[in-house]
Protein backbone atom coordinates (compact mmCIF):
# COMPACT_ATOMS: atom_id res chain seq x y z
CA LEU A 1 189.93 38.65 65.45
CA ALA A 2 187.97 39.76 62.42
CA MET A 3 184.30 40.28 61.25
CA VAL A 4 183.04 40.37 57.57
CA GLY A 5 179.48 41.76 57.59
CA GLY A 6 178.91 41.81 53.85
CA ARG A 7 180.51 41.82 50.48
CA ASP A 8 180.67 45.65 50.10
CA TYR A 9 179.90 48.19 52.66
CA HIS A 10 179.15 50.86 49.91
CA THR A 11 176.53 48.70 48.43
CA SER A 12 174.90 47.60 51.82
CA GLN A 13 175.73 48.87 55.43
CA PHE A 14 173.70 45.86 56.93
CA ASN A 15 176.11 43.91 59.08
CA ARG A 16 175.03 40.23 58.58
CA ILE A 17 177.35 39.04 61.51
CA THR A 18 175.68 41.22 64.27
CA GLN A 19 172.29 41.97 62.61
CA ALA A 20 171.10 39.10 60.56
CA HIS A 21 169.01 36.64 62.52
CA ARG A 22 168.92 33.24 60.70
CA GLN A 23 168.16 29.73 61.61
CA PRO A 24 171.36 27.92 62.48
CA GLY A 25 170.04 24.47 61.72
CA SER A 26 172.36 21.63 62.63
CA VAL A 27 175.14 24.03 63.95
CA PHE A 28 172.83 24.16 67.01
CA LYS A 29 173.16 20.29 67.62
CA PRO A 30 176.33 20.32 69.67
CA ILE A 31 174.70 22.41 72.18
CA VAL A 32 172.12 19.50 72.67
CA TYR A 33 174.94 17.03 73.11
CA LEU A 34 176.75 19.26 75.57
CA ALA A 35 173.65 19.60 77.58
CA ALA A 36 173.24 15.82 77.60
CA LEU A 37 176.87 15.22 78.73
CA ALA A 38 176.55 17.92 81.50
CA LYS A 39 173.41 16.05 82.80
CA GLU A 40 175.46 12.92 82.79
CA ARG A 41 178.19 14.52 84.75
CA GLU A 42 175.68 15.46 87.39
CA GLU A 43 173.63 12.36 87.49
CA ARG A 44 176.06 9.58 86.60
CA THR A 45 173.39 7.37 84.95
CA GLY A 46 175.59 6.15 82.17
CA ARG A 47 173.01 7.10 79.60
CA PHE A 48 174.63 10.21 78.05
CA LEU A 49 178.17 9.35 77.22
CA PRO A 50 179.72 9.57 73.62
CA ILE A 51 179.48 5.81 73.57
CA SER A 52 175.99 5.62 74.72
CA HIS A 53 173.47 4.30 72.30
CA ILE A 54 170.28 6.02 71.00
CA LEU A 55 167.63 5.08 68.51
CA ASP A 56 167.71 6.83 65.07
CA GLU A 57 164.30 6.12 63.55
CA PRO A 58 161.17 8.08 62.94
CA PHE A 59 159.20 9.08 66.03
CA SER A 60 156.75 11.68 67.31
CA TRP A 61 157.05 14.26 69.95
CA PRO A 62 153.77 15.49 71.50
CA PHE A 63 153.89 19.09 72.59
CA GLU A 64 151.03 21.52 73.52
CA ASN A 65 148.27 19.64 71.75
CA LYS A 66 150.51 19.25 68.60
CA VAL A 67 152.82 16.51 67.25
CA TRP A 68 156.34 17.13 65.98
CA SER A 69 157.88 14.47 63.83
CA PRO A 70 161.52 15.14 62.98
CA GLY A 71 162.94 13.51 59.75
CA ASN A 72 166.43 12.79 58.70
CA TYR A 73 168.16 14.24 55.61
CA ASN A 74 167.03 12.16 52.57
CA GLN A 75 164.74 10.15 55.01
CA LYS A 76 167.63 7.68 55.79
CA TYR A 77 167.65 6.23 59.35
CA TYR A 78 170.43 4.21 60.91
CA GLY A 79 168.63 2.41 63.83
CA ASP A 80 170.72 1.95 66.91
CA VAL A 81 173.79 4.48 67.01
CA THR A 82 176.13 6.01 69.37
CA LEU A 83 175.71 9.70 70.40
CA ARG A 84 179.13 10.20 68.67
CA ARG A 85 177.82 8.95 65.42
CA ALA A 86 174.55 10.70 65.65
CA LEU A 87 176.53 14.04 65.90
CA GLU A 88 178.99 13.11 63.24
CA GLN A 89 176.30 12.23 60.68
CA SER A 90 174.13 15.00 61.96
CA LEU A 91 171.13 12.67 62.42
CA ASN A 92 167.84 14.67 63.21
CA ALA A 93 165.78 11.71 64.77
CA ALA A 94 168.48 10.54 67.13
CA THR A 95 169.35 14.21 68.27
CA ALA A 96 165.65 15.09 68.79
CA ARG A 97 165.16 11.69 70.70
CA LEU A 98 168.17 12.74 72.92
CA ALA A 99 166.82 16.15 73.38
CA GLN A 100 163.41 14.78 74.59
CA SER A 101 165.27 12.69 77.09
CA ILE A 102 167.12 15.64 78.79
CA GLY A 103 164.45 18.36 78.29
CA LEU A 104 164.22 21.57 76.50
CA GLU A 105 164.96 23.77 79.51
CA ALA A 106 168.38 22.15 79.89
CA ILE A 107 169.25 22.80 76.27
CA GLN A 108 168.15 26.35 76.52
CA THR A 109 170.11 26.87 79.71
CA THR A 110 173.23 25.52 78.02
CA ALA A 111 172.85 27.70 75.03
CA ARG A 112 172.47 30.78 77.32
CA ARG A 113 175.74 29.82 79.15
CA LEU A 114 177.60 29.50 75.93
CA GLY A 115 176.46 33.04 74.81
CA VAL A 116 173.37 32.72 72.82
CA VAL A 117 171.23 35.77 73.72
CA SER A 118 168.46 35.59 70.95
CA PRO A 119 165.03 34.35 72.04
CA LEU A 120 164.98 30.45 72.14
CA PRO A 121 161.38 29.50 72.59
CA LEU A 122 160.74 26.13 74.22
CA TYR A 123 159.44 24.23 71.29
CA PRO A 124 160.89 20.81 70.08
CA SER A 125 162.08 22.25 66.78
CA MET A 126 164.57 24.47 68.65
CA VAL A 127 166.89 21.53 69.17
CA LEU A 128 167.41 21.22 65.49
CA GLY A 129 168.23 24.98 65.03
CA SER A 130 164.79 26.48 64.19
CA SER A 131 165.21 29.42 66.59
CA GLU A 132 167.09 32.52 64.77
CA VAL A 133 170.41 33.59 66.00
CA THR A 134 173.13 35.75 64.70
CA PRO A 135 176.56 34.53 63.26
CA TYR A 136 178.12 36.62 66.03
CA GLU A 137 176.27 34.55 68.76
CA VAL A 138 177.41 31.30 67.00
CA ALA A 139 180.95 32.62 66.91
CA VAL A 140 180.73 33.40 70.87
CA ALA A 141 179.15 30.14 71.54
CA PHE A 142 181.81 27.96 69.70
CA SER A 143 184.56 30.05 70.97
CA THR A 144 183.39 29.10 74.54
CA LEU A 145 183.77 25.33 73.43
CA ALA A 146 187.18 25.99 71.91
CA ASN A 147 188.28 27.75 75.15
CA GLN A 148 187.42 24.74 77.39
CA GLY A 149 184.19 26.13 78.58
CA ILE A 150 185.37 29.66 79.30
CA ARG A 151 183.17 32.28 77.80
CA VAL A 152 185.02 35.59 76.84
CA THR A 153 182.95 38.57 75.84
CA PRO A 154 184.30 39.83 72.56
CA LYS A 155 185.08 43.54 72.45
CA PRO A 156 185.83 45.83 69.51
CA ILE A 157 188.22 48.18 71.48
CA ASN A 158 191.16 47.13 73.63
CA ARG A 159 192.27 50.68 74.72
CA ILE A 160 192.27 54.21 73.60
CA VAL A 161 195.28 56.38 73.67
CA ASN A 162 195.71 60.12 73.18
CA GLN A 163 198.29 61.94 70.93
CA GLU A 164 201.13 61.29 73.49
CA ARG A 165 200.44 57.56 73.28
CA GLU A 166 199.04 57.85 76.94
CA THR A 167 196.24 55.37 77.63
CA VAL A 168 193.06 57.24 78.27
CA GLU A 169 190.89 54.10 78.68
CA ARG A 170 191.42 50.40 78.71
CA ARG A 171 188.75 47.71 78.34
CA SER A 172 189.48 44.69 80.41
CA ILE A 173 188.61 41.09 79.27
CA GLN A 174 185.79 39.47 80.87
CA ALA A 175 186.03 35.77 81.21
CA GLU A 176 183.87 33.25 83.00
CA GLN A 177 184.02 29.42 83.30
CA VAL A 178 180.47 28.59 82.17
CA MET A 179 180.78 24.88 81.47
CA PRO A 180 182.88 22.10 83.01
CA PRO A 181 186.08 21.64 80.93
CA ASP A 182 185.81 17.74 80.86
CA VAL A 183 182.36 17.95 79.35
CA VAL A 184 183.30 20.50 76.80
CA TYR A 185 186.35 18.33 75.86
CA MET A 186 184.17 15.50 75.17
CA VAL A 187 181.87 17.45 72.92
CA THR A 188 184.96 18.88 71.08
CA HIS A 189 186.28 15.36 70.68
CA MET A 190 182.94 14.22 69.07
CA MET A 191 183.05 17.20 66.80
CA GLU A 192 186.52 16.29 65.66
CA GLY A 193 184.78 13.10 64.34
CA VAL A 194 182.49 15.44 62.12
CA ILE A 195 185.70 16.62 60.23
CA GLU A 196 187.39 13.11 60.30
CA LYS A 197 184.54 10.94 59.13
CA GLY A 198 181.31 12.92 59.32
CA THR A 199 179.44 15.58 57.31
CA ALA A 200 182.47 17.88 57.16
CA ARG A 201 185.17 15.24 55.96
CA GLU A 202 185.40 17.22 52.71
CA ALA A 203 187.80 19.58 54.67
CA ARG A 204 190.28 16.75 54.76
CA ARG A 205 190.03 16.06 51.18
CA MET A 206 190.46 19.75 50.41
CA GLY A 207 193.87 19.71 52.13
CA PHE A 208 193.18 20.97 55.70
CA HIS A 209 194.94 18.48 57.85
CA ARG A 210 195.33 20.16 61.30
CA PRO A 211 193.57 18.98 64.48
CA ALA A 212 190.06 20.69 64.13
CA ALA A 213 186.45 20.34 65.33
CA GLY A 214 183.39 21.48 63.60
CA LYS A 215 179.77 21.19 62.46
CA THR A 216 177.74 21.75 59.31
CA GLY A 217 174.29 23.41 59.32
CA THR A 218 171.56 23.52 56.75
CA THR A 219 168.04 24.71 57.26
CA ASN A 220 165.06 22.75 56.07
CA ASP A 221 164.42 25.13 53.09
CA TYR A 222 168.12 25.23 52.07
CA GLY A 223 167.94 28.92 52.80
CA ASP A 224 170.77 28.93 55.25
CA ALA A 225 174.18 27.07 54.93
CA TRP A 226 176.61 27.13 57.70
CA PHE A 227 179.89 25.82 58.94
CA VAL A 228 181.50 26.57 62.28
CA GLY A 229 184.86 25.08 63.03
CA PHE A 230 187.91 25.61 65.28
CA THR A 231 191.41 24.57 65.91
CA PRO A 232 192.78 24.94 69.46
CA ASP A 233 193.84 28.48 68.48
CA LEU A 234 191.26 29.79 66.04
CA VAL A 235 187.49 29.62 65.59
CA ALA A 236 185.78 30.64 62.29
CA VAL A 237 182.02 30.84 61.44
CA VAL A 238 180.79 30.89 57.85
CA TRP A 239 177.22 31.72 56.97
CA VAL A 240 176.00 31.77 53.31
CA GLY A 241 172.69 32.86 52.21
CA PHE A 242 170.40 35.46 50.68
CA ASP A 243 169.14 38.58 52.43
CA ARG A 244 165.70 38.01 50.88
CA ARG A 245 165.61 34.48 52.14
CA GLU A 246 165.55 32.57 48.82
CA PRO A 247 166.40 28.96 48.72
CA LEU A 248 170.17 28.47 48.40
CA LYS A 249 169.75 24.91 47.30
CA LEU A 250 173.08 24.06 48.82
CA SER A 251 173.93 22.35 52.07
CA GLY A 252 176.31 23.74 54.72
CA GLY A 253 178.87 21.09 53.49
CA GLN A 254 178.52 22.30 49.92
CA ALA A 255 178.37 26.08 50.41
CA ALA A 256 180.01 27.02 53.76
CA LEU A 257 182.49 24.29 54.45
CA PRO A 258 184.75 25.06 51.24
CA ILE A 259 184.91 28.75 52.30
CA TRP A 260 185.84 27.83 55.71
CA THR A 261 188.58 25.39 54.61
CA GLU A 262 190.26 27.77 52.30
CA PHE A 263 190.13 30.53 54.93
CA MET A 264 191.62 28.16 57.78
CA LYS A 265 194.39 26.99 55.40
CA ARG A 266 195.54 30.44 54.80
CA ALA A 267 195.03 31.68 58.30
CA THR A 268 197.01 28.91 59.87
CA GLU A 269 199.78 28.69 57.26
CA GLY A 270 203.09 28.75 59.08
CA GLN A 271 201.72 28.53 62.53
CA PRO A 272 202.63 25.54 64.83
CA VAL A 273 200.38 22.60 64.83
CA THR A 274 198.66 22.15 68.14
CA CYS A 275 196.28 19.43 69.42
CA PHE A 276 193.25 19.78 71.66
CA SER A 277 194.52 19.15 75.26
CA PRO A 278 192.30 17.15 77.70
CA PRO A 279 191.67 18.88 80.93
CA PRO A 280 192.91 17.31 84.17
């Protein structure tokens, strides 16, 4: 519905929504869980359900004669956890272990289906959001989740009319079912837990009480802070950072979530409250 590419167009014409490529950090994690649940839907192994368990502890991932060892925030590990809790608490080690189980190609394919077009090199760190994307791509991807797996290509112009109000040109909506609705609903339900009792629970304390799903994101150097969240009717993405890539020294929950919460409280004021509807 709207796009804010900077604080003042006269000061800078650089549109950070469409032109700024930044690491999404943990905002990328729901794509990993979506890929896992999609794999479960195909293979029916019982390994990749929201209630399935995975180990959250330090481990090493050998890759191309190198070794990658993902660490959790504050180096706190929780041992045996469900996939739901791993996403709610944004646990790096558990998420990376899950990604190793399903393969990088499946995660890359899922991201492409959702609408991510930037390069996603097949390195293990991709699964924790090391590959740069634009806020625009993040918005498209999560609107696809909010839309029960239907990806709609955003367009700036609906139609063009002449002086007589006659339609000269009309742009049709392009929509495609890219992910199964039942799989998308499970991930959305897990992301509701992020707001209810996970890394984004501050939104509730700040007075936003509508049904909503979301995910915080923070890069390793604290240079990018994100929050993406949606109700059944509205998606909003907030990125906070410096153009010169200086450390922000704030997490996504500290910097981006309060902005998202205040915006969503105003944007939804007076609107009917709707819940996420499970597909048939």
